[in-house]
Amino acid sequence: MAIIGLDHVQLAIPAGGEDRARAFYAGLLGMTEVAKPATLSPAGCWFVSGRVQIHLGIDPAFRAATKAHPALLVDDLDGLRLRLEAAGCETRDDKPIAGYRRFFTEDPFGNRIELMERV
C-alpha cells in the first residue's frame, strides 16, 4: 500500500462567497472553474489548473485557515505577485527554502495561500 498522489485540497469559504472565490482563483490565479458532481451540494466551487485541484466548500461556521495552506507551484512568480498586488492583495515573503522562491498571500476569505517557483 502506498499513497500515489494528491487528488485535491479543500478550503472552506463562507456562504455566498462563490463570486469572490471566482474573482480570486480564476481571475487572479488563472485557474479554471469546473463543475461539481450533481450528487454534491450546489454551493461552493471547484477550480483546476493542470493536475492541481482546489475545492471550495461552504462552512456555516467558517474560520479562515491562517496557518494550514496549499502551496501552489507557478511558472512566473514575479508576474503573479504584480497581478495580486495590483488587485490589492497583500503579499509577504517568508524564510527561504532551497530550490524555491516563494511568498504568501490570502484568498478573499483570509485562507493562507503559498505561491512557489522552482529556481
PDB file of N, CA and C in Angstrom:
ATOM      1  N   MET A   1       0.854  -1.178   0.000  1.00  0.00           N
ATOM      2  CA  MET A   1       0.000   0.000   0.000  1.00  0.00           C
ATOM      3  C   MET A   1       0.888   1.224   0.000  1.00  0.00           C
ATOM      4  N   ALA A   2       0.586   2.173  -0.891  1.00  0.00           N
ATOM      5  CA  ALA A   2       1.343   3.422  -0.949  1.00  0.00           C
ATOM      6  C   ALA A   2       0.410   4.543  -1.376  1.00  0.00           C
ATOM      7  N   ILE A   3       0.636   5.709  -0.852  1.00  0.00           N
ATOM      8  CA  ILE A   3      -0.075   6.889  -1.348  1.00  0.00           C
ATOM      9  C   ILE A   3       0.569   7.243  -2.676  1.00  0.00           C
ATOM     10  N   ILE A   4      -0.238   7.430  -3.706  1.00  0.00           N
ATOM     11  CA  ILE A   4       0.315   7.626  -5.043  1.00  0.00           C
ATOM     12  C   ILE A   4       0.101   9.025  -5.603  1.00  0.00           C
ATOM     13  N   GLY A   5      -0.564   9.880  -4.863  1.00  0.00           N
ATOM     14  CA  GLY A   5      -0.780  11.237  -5.347  1.00  0.00           C
ATOM     15  C   GLY A   5      -1.728  11.994  -4.444  1.00  0.00           C
ATOM     16  N   LEU A   6      -1.926  13.225  -4.795  1.00  0.00           N
ATOM     17  CA  LEU A   6      -2.863  14.083  -4.084  1.00  0.00           C
ATOM     18  C   LEU A   6      -3.934  14.485  -5.080  1.00  0.00           C
ATOM     19  N   ASP A   7      -5.179  14.176  -4.779  1.00  0.00           N
ATOM     20  CA  ASP A   7      -6.261  14.473  -5.715  1.00  0.00           C
ATOM     21  C   ASP A   7      -6.667  15.944  -5.668  1.00  0.00           C
ATOM     22  N   HIS A   8      -6.878  16.489  -4.479  1.00  0.00           N
ATOM     23  CA  HIS A   8      -7.289  17.881  -4.356  1.00  0.00           C
ATOM     24  C   HIS A   8      -7.049  18.386  -2.938  1.00  0.00           C
ATOM     25  N   VAL A   9      -7.115  19.686  -2.802  1.00  0.00           N
ATOM     26  CA  VAL A   9      -7.105  20.343  -1.498  1.00  0.00           C
ATOM     27  C   VAL A   9      -8.452  21.033  -1.362  1.00  0.00           C
ATOM     28  N   GLN A  10      -9.088  20.885  -0.195  1.00  0.00           N
ATOM     29  CA  GLN A  10     -10.338  21.598   0.040  1.00  0.00           C
ATOM     30  C   GLN A  10     -10.098  22.699   1.063  1.00  0.00           C
ATOM     31  N   LEU A  11     -10.624  23.865   0.742  1.00  0.00           N
ATOM     32  CA  LEU A  11     -10.614  25.000   1.652  1.00  0.00           C
ATOM     33  C   LEU A  11     -12.056  25.401   1.918  1.00  0.00           C
ATOM     34  N   ALA A  12     -12.299  25.934   3.091  1.00  0.00           N
ATOM     35  CA  ALA A  12     -13.633  26.408   3.438  1.00  0.00           C
ATOM     36  C   ALA A  12     -13.780  27.874   3.073  1.00  0.00           C
ATOM     37  N   ILE A  13     -15.000  28.229   2.699  1.00  0.00           N
ATOM     38  CA  ILE A  13     -15.354  29.624   2.464  1.00  0.00           C
ATOM     39  C   ILE A  13     -16.711  29.865   3.116  1.00  0.00           C
ATOM     40  N   PRO A  14     -17.048  31.126   3.389  1.00  0.00           N
ATOM     41  CA  PRO A  14     -18.367  31.397   3.970  1.00  0.00           C
ATOM     42  C   PRO A  14     -19.465  31.307   2.922  1.00  0.00           C
ATOM     43  N   ALA A  15     -20.689  31.107   3.366  1.00  0.00           N
ATOM     44  CA  ALA A  15     -21.840  31.053   2.468  1.00  0.00           C
ATOM     45  C   ALA A  15     -21.898  32.325   1.632  1.00  0.00           C
ATOM     46  N   GLY A  16     -22.189  32.157   0.350  1.00  0.00           N
ATOM     47  CA  GLY A  16     -22.311  33.286  -0.548  1.00  0.00           C
ATOM     48  C   GLY A  16     -20.993  33.821  -1.086  1.00  0.00           C
ATOM     49  N   GLY A  17     -19.896  33.124  -0.833  1.00  0.00           N
ATOM     50  CA  GLY A  17     -18.580  33.607  -1.246  1.00  0.00           C
ATOM     51  C   GLY A  17     -18.126  33.178  -2.632  1.00  0.00           C
ATOM     52  N   GLU A  18     -18.960  32.480  -3.366  1.00  0.00           N
ATOM     53  CA  GLU A  18     -18.540  31.919  -4.656  1.00  0.00           C
ATOM     54  C   GLU A  18     -18.048  32.970  -5.651  1.00  0.00           C
ATOM     55  N   ASP A  19     -18.720  34.101  -5.765  1.00  0.00           N
ATOM     56  CA  ASP A  19     -18.291  35.108  -6.748  1.00  0.00           C
ATOM     57  C   ASP A  19     -16.925  35.694  -6.390  1.00  0.00           C
ATOM     58  N   ARG A  20     -16.683  35.935  -5.105  1.00  0.00           N
ATOM     59  CA  ARG A  20     -15.355  36.423  -4.692  1.00  0.00           C
ATOM     60  C   ARG A  20     -14.303  35.350  -4.916  1.00  0.00           C
ATOM     61  N   ALA A  21     -14.672  34.090  -4.706  1.00  0.00           N
ATOM     62  CA  ALA A  21     -13.745  32.981  -4.960  1.00  0.00           C
ATOM     63  C   ALA A  21     -13.386  32.924  -6.441  1.00  0.00           C
ATOM     64  N   ARG A  22     -14.370  33.076  -7.309  1.00  0.00           N
ATOM     65  CA  ARG A  22     -14.115  33.049  -8.755  1.00  0.00           C
ATOM     66  C   ARG A  22     -13.186  34.186  -9.159  1.00  0.00           C
ATOM     67  N   ALA A  23     -13.398  35.367  -8.599  1.00  0.00           N
ATOM     68  CA  ALA A  23     -12.545  36.509  -8.935  1.00  0.00           C
ATOM     69  C   ALA A  23     -11.097  36.241  -8.543  1.00  0.00           C
ATOM     70  N   PHE A  24     -10.873  35.555  -7.426  1.00  0.00           N
ATOM     71  CA  PHE A  24      -9.513  35.287  -6.960  1.00  0.00           C
ATOM     72  C   PHE A  24      -8.908  34.074  -7.665  1.00  0.00           C
ATOM     73  N   TYR A  25      -9.554  32.925  -7.546  1.00  0.00           N
ATOM     74  CA  TYR A  25      -8.956  31.679  -8.049  1.00  0.00           C
ATOM     75  C   TYR A  25      -8.918  31.618  -9.575  1.00  0.00           C
ATOM     76  N   ALA A  26      -9.966  32.077 -10.240  1.00  0.00           N
ATOM     77  CA  ALA A  26      -9.969  32.092 -11.708  1.00  0.00           C
ATOM     78  C   ALA A  26      -9.373  33.398 -12.227  1.00  0.00           C
ATOM     79  N   GLY A  27      -9.871  34.519 -11.724  1.00  0.00           N
ATOM     80  CA  GLY A  27      -9.444  35.814 -12.240  1.00  0.00           C
ATOM     81  C   GLY A  27      -7.996  36.149 -11.978  1.00  0.00           C
ATOM     82  N   LEU A  28      -7.536  35.978 -10.739  1.00  0.00           N
ATOM     83  CA  LEU A  28      -6.159  36.353 -10.393  1.00  0.00           C
ATOM     84  C   LEU A  28      -5.169  35.200 -10.539  1.00  0.00           C
ATOM     85  N   LEU A  29      -5.546  34.014 -10.066  1.00  0.00           N
ATOM     86  CA  LEU A  29      -4.605  32.886 -10.139  1.00  0.00           C
ATOM     87  C   LEU A  29      -4.654  32.171 -11.483  1.00  0.00           C
ATOM     88  N   GLY A  30      -5.680  32.420 -12.286  1.00  0.00           N
ATOM     89  CA  GLY A  30      -5.744  31.827 -13.615  1.00  0.00           C
ATOM     90  C   GLY A  30      -6.218  30.389 -13.657  1.00  0.00           C
ATOM     91  N   MET A  31      -6.854  29.912 -12.580  1.00  0.00           N
ATOM     92  CA  MET A  31      -7.391  28.557 -12.573  1.00  0.00           C
ATOM     93  C   MET A  31      -8.706  28.540 -13.341  1.00  0.00           C
ATOM     94  N   THR A  32      -9.149  27.346 -13.719  1.00  0.00           N
ATOM     95  CA  THR A  32     -10.396  27.179 -14.443  1.00  0.00           C
ATOM     96  C   THR A  32     -11.429  26.560 -13.514  1.00  0.00           C
ATOM     97  N   GLU A  33     -12.622  27.144 -13.478  1.00  0.00           N
ATOM     98  CA  GLU A  33     -13.687  26.542 -12.678  1.00  0.00           C
ATOM     99  C   GLU A  33     -14.216  25.310 -13.398  1.00  0.00           C
ATOM    100  N   VAL A  34     -14.446  24.246 -12.652  1.00  0.00           N
ATOM    101  CA  VAL A  34     -15.026  23.021 -13.192  1.00  0.00           C
ATOM    102  C   VAL A  34     -16.312  22.710 -12.436  1.00  0.00           C
ATOM    103  N   ALA A  35     -17.213  22.023 -13.095  1.00  0.00           N
ATOM    104  CA  ALA A  35     -18.490  21.671 -12.483  1.00  0.00           C
ATOM    105  C   ALA A  35     -18.290  20.662 -11.365  1.00  0.00           C
ATOM    106  N   LYS A  36     -19.039  20.849 -10.304  1.00  0.00           N
ATOM    107  CA  LYS A  36     -19.065  19.859  -9.221  1.00  0.00           C
ATOM    108  C   LYS A  36     -20.014  18.725  -9.611  1.00  0.00           C
ATOM    109  N   PRO A  37     -19.769  17.522  -9.116  1.00  0.00           N
ATOM    110  CA  PRO A  37     -20.712  16.427  -9.394  1.00  0.00           C
ATOM    111  C   PRO A  37     -22.117  16.779  -8.903  1.00  0.00           C
ATOM    112  N   ALA A  38     -23.126  16.370  -9.648  1.00  0.00           N
ATOM    113  CA  ALA A  38     -24.522  16.674  -9.311  1.00  0.00           C
ATOM    114  C   ALA A  38     -24.929  16.098  -7.960  1.00  0.00           C
ATOM    115  N   THR A  39     -24.219  15.075  -7.488  1.00  0.00           N
ATOM    116  CA  THR A  39     -24.566  14.445  -6.212  1.00  0.00           C
ATOM    117  C   THR A  39     -24.135  15.287  -5.011  1.00  0.00           C
ATOM    118  N   LEU A  40     -23.341  16.340  -5.249  1.00  0.00           N
ATOM    119  CA  LEU A  40     -22.880  17.185  -4.156  1.00  0.00           C
ATOM    120  C   LEU A  40     -23.703  18.463  -4.082  1.00  0.00           C
ATOM    121  N   SER A  41     -23.613  19.123  -2.955  1.00  0.00           N
ATOM    122  CA  SER A  41     -24.300  20.402  -2.768  1.00  0.00           C
ATOM    123  C   SER A  41     -23.910  21.363  -3.881  1.00  0.00           C
ATOM    124  N   PRO A  42     -24.879  22.120  -4.397  1.00  0.00           N
ATOM    125  CA  PRO A  42     -24.537  23.081  -5.445  1.00  0.00           C
ATOM    126  C   PRO A  42     -23.717  24.269  -4.918  1.00  0.00           C
ATOM    127  N   ALA A  43     -23.700  24.461  -3.611  1.00  0.00           N
ATOM    128  CA  ALA A  43     -22.924  25.567  -3.036  1.00  0.00           C
ATOM    129  C   ALA A  43     -21.435  25.249  -3.102  1.00  0.00           C
ATOM    130  N   GLY A  44     -20.617  26.297  -3.122  1.00  0.00           N
ATOM    131  CA  GLY A  44     -19.176  26.122  -3.230  1.00  0.00           C
ATOM    132  C   GLY A  44     -18.767  26.072  -4.696  1.00  0.00           C
ATOM    133  N   CYS A  45     -17.472  25.903  -4.941  1.00  0.00           N
ATOM    134  CA  CYS A  45     -16.983  25.830  -6.315  1.00  0.00           C
ATOM    135  C   CYS A  45     -15.623  25.131  -6.346  1.00  0.00           C
ATOM    136  N   TRP A  46     -15.324  24.553  -7.501  1.00  0.00           N
ATOM    137  CA  TRP A  46     -14.083  23.814  -7.702  1.00  0.00           C
ATOM    138  C   TRP A  46     -13.282  24.467  -8.818  1.00  0.00           C
ATOM    139  N   PHE A  47     -11.936  24.424  -8.654  1.00  0.00           N
ATOM    140  CA  PHE A  47     -11.038  25.010  -9.643  1.00  0.00           C
ATOM    141  C   PHE A  47      -9.918  24.029  -9.963  1.00  0.00           C
ATOM    142  N   VAL A  48      -9.416  24.111 -11.199  1.00  0.00           N
ATOM    143  CA  VAL A  48      -8.339  23.230 -11.636  1.00  0.00           C
ATOM    144  C   VAL A  48      -7.347  24.024 -12.479  1.00  0.00           C
ATOM    145  N   SER A  49      -6.092  23.623 -12.396  1.00  0.00           N
ATOM    146  CA  SER A  49      -5.038  24.124 -13.270  1.00  0.00           C
ATOM    147  C   SER A  49      -4.041  22.985 -13.428  1.00  0.00           C
ATOM    148  N   GLY A  50      -3.949  22.433 -14.636  1.00  0.00           N
ATOM    149  CA  GLY A  50      -3.107  21.252 -14.817  1.00  0.00           C
ATOM    150  C   GLY A  50      -3.643  20.115 -13.964  1.00  0.00           C
ATOM    151  N   ARG A  51      -2.785  19.544 -13.118  1.00  0.00           N
ATOM    152  CA  ARG A  51      -3.194  18.445 -12.244  1.00  0.00           C
ATOM    153  C   ARG A  51      -3.561  18.920 -10.844  1.00  0.00           C
ATOM    154  N   VAL A  52      -3.589  20.234 -10.636  1.00  0.00           N
ATOM    155  CA  VAL A  52      -3.895  20.812  -9.326  1.00  0.00           C
ATOM    156  C   VAL A  52      -5.384  21.124  -9.238  1.00  0.00           C
ATOM    157  N   GLN A  53      -6.015  20.662  -8.156  1.00  0.00           N
ATOM    158  CA  GLN A  53      -7.422  20.965  -7.929  1.00  0.00           C
ATOM    159  C   GLN A  53      -7.602  21.588  -6.550  1.00  0.00           C
ATOM    160  N   ILE A  54      -8.391  22.652  -6.500  1.00  0.00           N
ATOM    161  CA  ILE A  54      -8.791  23.254  -5.231  1.00  0.00           C
ATOM    162  C   ILE A  54     -10.309  23.235  -5.189  1.00  0.00           C
ATOM    163  N   HIS A  55     -10.849  22.631  -4.143  1.00  0.00           N
ATOM    164  CA  HIS A  55     -12.291  22.569  -3.936  1.00  0.00           C
ATOM    165  C   HIS A  55     -12.629  23.527  -2.807  1.00  0.00           C
ATOM    166  N   LEU A  56     -13.568  24.412  -3.045  1.00  0.00           N
ATOM    167  CA  LEU A  56     -14.006  25.367  -2.029  1.00  0.00           C
ATOM    168  C   LEU A  56     -15.400  24.972  -1.578  1.00  0.00           C
ATOM    169  N   GLY A  57     -15.506  24.650  -0.292  1.00  0.00           N
ATOM    170  CA  GLY A  57     -16.780  24.223   0.267  1.00  0.00           C
ATOM    171  C   GLY A  57     -17.295  25.231   1.277  1.00  0.00           C
ATOM    172  N   ILE A  58     -18.610  25.338   1.360  1.00  0.00           N
ATOM    173  CA  ILE A  58     -19.248  26.252   2.292  1.00  0.00           C
ATOM    174  C   ILE A  58     -19.203  25.652   3.696  1.00  0.00           C
ATOM    175  N   ASP A  59     -18.765  26.446   4.647  1.00  0.00           N
ATOM    176  CA  ASP A  59     -18.756  26.034   6.052  1.00  0.00           C
ATOM    177  C   ASP A  59     -19.585  27.051   6.838  1.00  0.00           C
ATOM    178  N   PRO A  60     -20.717  26.636   7.401  1.00  0.00           N
ATOM    179  CA  PRO A  60     -21.556  27.574   8.143  1.00  0.00           C
ATOM    180  C   PRO A  60     -20.827  28.191   9.348  1.00  0.00           C
ATOM    181  N   ALA A  61     -19.849  27.483   9.877  1.00  0.00           N
ATOM    182  CA  ALA A  61     -19.049  28.001  10.997  1.00  0.00           C
ATOM    183  C   ALA A  61     -17.662  28.399  10.481  1.00  0.00           C
ATOM    184  N   PHE A  62     -17.612  29.062   9.324  1.00  0.00           N
ATOM    185  CA  PHE A  62     -16.359  29.379   8.652  1.00  0.00           C
ATOM    186  C   PHE A  62     -15.372  30.110   9.553  1.00  0.00           C
ATOM    187  N   ARG A  63     -14.136  29.639   9.503  1.00  0.00           N
ATOM    188  CA  ARG A  63     -12.968  30.318  10.074  1.00  0.00           C
ATOM    189  C   ARG A  63     -11.839  30.136   9.071  1.00  0.00           C
ATOM    190  N   ALA A  64     -11.161  31.205   8.744  1.00  0.00           N
ATOM    191  CA  ALA A  64     -10.077  31.133   7.760  1.00  0.00           C
ATOM    192  C   ALA A  64      -8.953  30.229   8.253  1.00  0.00           C
ATOM    193  N   ALA A  65      -8.318  29.535   7.313  1.00  0.00           N
ATOM    194  CA  ALA A  65      -7.126  28.735   7.605  1.00  0.00           C
ATOM    195  C   ALA A  65      -5.932  29.681   7.529  1.00  0.00           C
ATOM    196  N   THR A  66      -5.434  30.102   8.683  1.00  0.00           N
ATOM    197  CA  THR A  66      -4.362  31.091   8.710  1.00  0.00           C
ATOM    198  C   THR A  66      -2.976  30.477   8.854  1.00  0.00           C
ATOM    199  N   LYS A  67      -2.888  29.194   9.145  1.00  0.00           N
ATOM    200  CA  LYS A  67      -1.597  28.502   9.189  1.00  0.00           C
ATOM    201  C   LYS A  67      -1.556  27.394   8.128  1.00  0.00           C
ATOM    202  N   ALA A  68      -2.521  26.472   8.179  1.00  0.00           N
ATOM    203  CA  ALA A  68      -2.600  25.423   7.161  1.00  0.00           C
ATOM    204  C   ALA A  68      -2.852  26.090   5.819  1.00  0.00           C
ATOM    205  N   HIS A  69      -2.274  25.537   4.748  1.00  0.00           N
ATOM    206  CA  HIS A  69      -2.394  26.192   3.445  1.00  0.00           C
ATOM    207  C   HIS A  69      -1.965  25.265   2.313  1.00  0.00           C
ATOM    208  N   PRO A  70      -2.499  25.507   1.108  1.00  0.00           N
ATOM    209  CA  PRO A  70      -1.931  24.859  -0.069  1.00  0.00           C
ATOM    210  C   PRO A  70      -0.722  25.669  -0.539  1.00  0.00           C
ATOM    211  N   ALA A  71       0.255  24.986  -1.102  1.00  0.00           N
ATOM    212  CA  ALA A  71       1.410  25.637  -1.724  1.00  0.00           C
ATOM    213  C   ALA A  71       1.317  25.330  -3.214  1.00  0.00           C
ATOM    214  N   LEU A  72       1.128  26.363  -4.009  1.00  0.00           N
ATOM    215  CA  LEU A  72       0.925  26.199  -5.446  1.00  0.00           C
ATOM    216  C   LEU A  72       2.193  26.556  -6.200  1.00  0.00           C
ATOM    217  N   LEU A  73       2.657  25.639  -7.064  1.00  0.00           N
ATOM    218  CA  LEU A  73       3.813  25.906  -7.914  1.00  0.00           C
ATOM    219  C   LEU A  73       3.372  26.730  -9.112  1.00  0.00           C
ATOM    220  N   VAL A  74       4.123  27.781  -9.415  1.00  0.00           N
ATOM    221  CA  VAL A  74       3.801  28.649 -10.547  1.00  0.00           C
ATOM    222  C   VAL A  74       5.031  28.797 -11.429  1.00  0.00           C
ATOM    223  N   ASP A  75       4.810  29.289 -12.660  1.00  0.00           N
ATOM    224  CA  ASP A  75       5.939  29.448 -13.575  1.00  0.00           C
ATOM    225  C   ASP A  75       6.341  30.909 -13.792  1.00  0.00           C
ATOM    226  N   ASP A  76       5.667  31.842 -13.124  1.00  0.00           N
ATOM    227  CA  ASP A  76       6.028  33.257 -13.209  1.00  0.00           C
ATOM    228  C   ASP A  76       5.660  33.931 -11.888  1.00  0.00           C
ATOM    229  N   LEU A  77       6.454  33.676 -10.867  1.00  0.00           N
ATOM    230  CA  LEU A  77       6.175  34.184  -9.524  1.00  0.00           C
ATOM    231  C   LEU A  77       6.127  35.708  -9.496  1.00  0.00           C
ATOM    232  N   ASP A  78       7.058  36.358 -10.179  1.00  0.00           N
ATOM    233  CA  ASP A  78       7.087  37.821 -10.170  1.00  0.00           C
ATOM    234  C   ASP A  78       5.852  38.412 -10.840  1.00  0.00           C
ATOM    235  N   GLY A  79       5.464  37.850 -11.973  1.00  0.00           N
ATOM    236  CA  GLY A  79       4.277  38.337 -12.670  1.00  0.00           C
ATOM    237  C   GLY A  79       3.014  38.142 -11.847  1.00  0.00           C
ATOM    238  N   LEU A  80       2.910  36.989 -11.184  1.00  0.00           N
ATOM    239  CA  LEU A  80       1.739  36.733 -10.356  1.00  0.00           C
ATOM    240  C   LEU A  80       1.709  37.672  -9.157  1.00  0.00           C
ATOM    241  N   ARG A  81       2.862  37.918  -8.579  1.00  0.00           N
ATOM    242  CA  ARG A  81       2.924  38.846  -7.443  1.00  0.00           C
ATOM    243  C   ARG A  81       2.442  40.234  -7.866  1.00  0.00           C
ATOM    244  N   LEU A  82       2.903  40.703  -9.019  1.00  0.00           N
ATOM    245  CA  LEU A  82       2.469  42.010  -9.510  1.00  0.00           C
ATOM    246  C   LEU A  82       0.956  42.037  -9.730  1.00  0.00           C
ATOM    247  N   ARG A  83       0.392  40.983 -10.311  1.00  0.00           N
ATOM    248  CA  ARG A  83      -1.050  40.915 -10.554  1.00  0.00           C
ATOM    249  C   ARG A  83      -1.827  40.952  -9.245  1.00  0.00           C
ATOM    250  N   LEU A  84      -1.372  40.175  -8.258  1.00  0.00           N
ATOM    251  CA  LEU A  84      -2.051  40.138  -6.959  1.00  0.00           C
ATOM    252  C   LEU A  84      -1.986  41.499  -6.267  1.00  0.00           C
ATOM    253  N   GLU A  85      -0.801  42.103  -6.255  1.00  0.00           N
ATOM    254  CA  GLU A  85      -0.646  43.398  -5.592  1.00  0.00           C
ATOM    255  C   GLU A  85      -1.456  44.486  -6.294  1.00  0.00           C
ATOM    256  N   ALA A  86      -1.520  44.445  -7.625  1.00  0.00           N
ATOM    257  CA  ALA A  86      -2.320  45.426  -8.369  1.00  0.00           C
ATOM    258  C   ALA A  86      -3.804  45.288  -8.023  1.00  0.00           C
ATOM    259  N   ALA A  87      -4.219  44.088  -7.642  1.00  0.00           N
ATOM    260  CA  ALA A  87      -5.614  43.847  -7.259  1.00  0.00           C
ATOM    261  C   ALA A  87      -5.859  44.132  -5.782  1.00  0.00           C
ATOM    262  N   GLY A  88      -4.824  44.595  -5.066  1.00  0.00           N
ATOM    263  CA  GLY A  88      -4.985  44.936  -3.658  1.00  0.00           C
ATOM    264  C   GLY A  88      -4.688  43.812  -2.685  1.00  0.00           C
ATOM    265  N   CYS A  89      -4.166  42.697  -3.170  1.00  0.00           N
ATOM    266  CA  CYS A  89      -3.814  41.583  -2.286  1.00  0.00           C
ATOM    267  C   CYS A  89      -2.453  41.841  -1.638  1.00  0.00           C
ATOM    268  N   GLU A  90      -2.358  41.567  -0.368  1.00  0.00           N
ATOM    269  CA  GLU A  90      -1.081  41.677   0.329  1.00  0.00           C
ATOM    270  C   GLU A  90      -0.244  40.441   0.023  1.00  0.00           C
ATOM    271  N   THR A  91       1.061  40.626  -0.202  1.00  0.00           N
ATOM    272  CA  THR A  91       1.981  39.500  -0.384  1.00  0.00           C
ATOM    273  C   THR A  91       3.099  39.640   0.629  1.00  0.00           C
ATOM    274  N   ARG A  92       3.556  38.509   1.158  1.00  0.00           N
ATOM    275  CA  ARG A  92       4.598  38.510   2.181  1.00  0.00           C
ATOM    276  C   ARG A  92       5.645  37.445   1.897  1.00  0.00           C
ATOM    277  N   ASP A  93       6.907  37.854   1.915  1.00  0.00           N
ATOM    278  CA  ASP A  93       7.998  36.893   1.811  1.00  0.00           C
ATOM    279  C   ASP A  93       8.116  36.138   3.125  1.00  0.00           C
ATOM    280  N   ASP A  94       8.750  34.992   3.074  1.00  0.00           N
ATOM    281  CA  ASP A  94       8.964  34.182   4.268  1.00  0.00           C
ATOM    282  C   ASP A  94      10.387  33.659   4.222  1.00  0.00           C
ATOM    283  N   LYS A  95      10.740  32.846   5.185  1.00  0.00           N
ATOM    284  CA  LYS A  95      12.087  32.278   5.239  1.00  0.00           C
ATOM    285  C   LYS A  95      12.387  31.534   3.941  1.00  0.00           C
ATOM    286  N   PRO A  96      13.629  31.650   3.455  1.00  0.00           N
ATOM    287  CA  PRO A  96      13.977  30.959   2.206  1.00  0.00           C
ATOM    288  C   PRO A  96      13.960  29.440   2.351  1.00  0.00           C
ATOM    289  N   ILE A  97      13.634  28.787   1.253  1.00  0.00           N
ATOM    290  CA  ILE A  97      13.697  27.329   1.146  1.00  0.00           C
ATOM    291  C   ILE A  97      14.551  27.026  -0.084  1.00  0.00           C
ATOM    292  N   ALA A  98      15.573  26.205   0.090  1.00  0.00           N
ATOM    293  CA  ALA A  98      16.483  25.884  -1.012  1.00  0.00           C
ATOM    294  C   ALA A  98      15.701  25.371  -2.221  1.00  0.00           C
ATOM    295  N   GLY A  99      16.037  25.907  -3.392  1.00  0.00           N
ATOM    296  CA  GLY A  99      15.441  25.456  -4.630  1.00  0.00           C
ATOM    297  C   GLY A  99      14.161  26.176  -5.021  1.00  0.00           C
ATOM    298  N   TYR A 100      13.691  27.117  -4.194  1.00  0.00           N
ATOM    299  CA  TYR A 100      12.436  27.808  -4.463  1.00  0.00           C
ATOM    300  C   TYR A 100      12.539  29.297  -4.154  1.00  0.00           C
ATOM    301  N   ARG A 101      11.736  30.067  -4.885  1.00  0.00           N
ATOM    302  CA  ARG A 101      11.377  31.427  -4.492  1.00  0.00           C
ATOM    303  C   ARG A 101       9.910  31.328  -4.113  1.00  0.00           C
ATOM    304  N   ARG A 102       9.471  32.116  -3.117  1.00  0.00           N
ATOM    305  CA  ARG A 102       8.087  31.956  -2.681  1.00  0.00           C
ATOM    306  C   ARG A 102       7.589  33.179  -1.941  1.00  0.00           C
ATOM    307  N   PHE A 103       6.281  33.275  -1.826  1.00  0.00           N
ATOM    308  CA  PHE A 103       5.641  34.256  -0.968  1.00  0.00           C
ATOM    309  C   PHE A 103       4.269  33.741  -0.566  1.00  0.00           C
ATOM    310  N   PHE A 104       3.673  34.418   0.399  1.00  0.00           N
ATOM    311  CA  PHE A 104       2.339  34.077   0.879  1.00  0.00           C
ATOM    312  C   PHE A 104       1.376  35.209   0.567  1.00  0.00           C
ATOM    313  N   THR A 105       0.120  34.842   0.390  1.00  0.00           N
ATOM    314  CA  THR A 105      -0.981  35.788   0.270  1.00  0.00           C
ATOM    315  C   THR A 105      -2.193  35.135   0.918  1.00  0.00           C
ATOM    316  N   GLU A 106      -3.327  35.787   0.861  1.00  0.00           N
ATOM    317  CA  GLU A 106      -4.585  35.205   1.338  1.00  0.00           C
ATOM    318  C   GLU A 106      -5.628  35.326   0.239  1.00  0.00           C
ATOM    319  N   ASP A 107      -6.547  34.358   0.237  1.00  0.00           N
ATOM    320  CA  ASP A 107      -7.694  34.489  -0.656  1.00  0.00           C
ATOM    321  C   ASP A 107      -8.643  35.534  -0.054  1.00  0.00           C
ATOM    322  N   PRO A 108      -9.749  35.848  -0.694  1.00  0.00           N
ATOM    323  CA  PRO A 108     -10.629  36.905  -0.178  1.00  0.00           C
ATOM    324  C   PRO A 108     -11.232  36.613   1.194  1.00  0.00           C
ATOM    325  N   PHE A 109     -11.083  35.389   1.682  1.00  0.00           N
ATOM    326  CA  PHE A 109     -11.685  34.981   2.941  1.00  0.00           C
ATOM    327  C   PHE A 109     -10.658  34.860   4.067  1.00  0.00           C
ATOM    328  N   GLY A 110      -9.387  35.134   3.754  1.00  0.00           N
ATOM    329  CA  GLY A 110      -8.330  35.041   4.753  1.00  0.00           C
ATOM    330  C   GLY A 110      -7.618  33.715   4.791  1.00  0.00           C
ATOM    331  N   ASN A 111      -7.950  32.778   3.887  1.00  0.00           N
ATOM    332  CA  ASN A 111      -7.230  31.498   3.832  1.00  0.00           C
ATOM    333  C   ASN A 111      -5.829  31.744   3.292  1.00  0.00           C
ATOM    334  N   ARG A 112      -4.832  31.228   3.989  1.00  0.00           N
ATOM    335  CA  ARG A 112      -3.435  31.389   3.607  1.00  0.00           C
ATOM    336  C   ARG A 112      -3.125  30.593   2.344  1.00  0.00           C
ATOM    337  N   ILE A 113      -2.429  31.214   1.402  1.00  0.00           N
ATOM    338  CA  ILE A 113      -2.031  30.571   0.146  1.00  0.00           C
ATOM    339  C   ILE A 113      -0.542  30.842  -0.060  1.00  0.00           C
ATOM    340  N   GLU A 114       0.229  29.771  -0.291  1.00  0.00           N
ATOM    341  CA  GLU A 114       1.654  29.922  -0.620  1.00  0.00           C
ATOM    342  C   GLU A 114       1.827  29.732  -2.114  1.00  0.00           C
ATOM    343  N   LEU A 115       2.615  30.618  -2.724  1.00  0.00           N
ATOM    344  CA  LEU A 115       2.920  30.532  -4.140  1.00  0.00           C
ATOM    345  C   LEU A 115       4.429  30.374  -4.278  1.00  0.00           C
ATOM    346  N   MET A 116       4.848  29.363  -5.052  1.00  0.00           N
ATOM    347  CA  MET A 116       6.251  28.981  -5.139  1.00  0.00           C
ATOM    348  C   MET A 116       6.678  28.811  -6.590  1.00  0.00           C
ATOM    349  N   GLU A 117       7.945  29.122  -6.844  1.00  0.00           N
ATOM    350  CA  GLU A 117       8.532  28.883  -8.163  1.00  0.00           C
ATOM    351  C   GLU A 117       9.881  28.189  -7.948  1.00  0.00           C
ATOM    352  N   ARG A 118      10.105  27.096  -8.695  1.00  0.00           N
ATOM    353  CA  ARG A 118      11.406  26.417  -8.594  1.00  0.00           C
ATOM    354  C   ARG A 118      12.477  27.272  -9.252  1.00  0.00           C
ATOM    355  N   VAL A 119      13.668  27.254  -8.670  1.00  0.00           N
ATOM    356  CA  VAL A 119      14.799  28.013  -9.251  1.00  0.00           C
ATOM    357  C   VAL A 119      15.876  27.051  -9.688  1.00  0.00           C
TER     358      VAL A 119
END
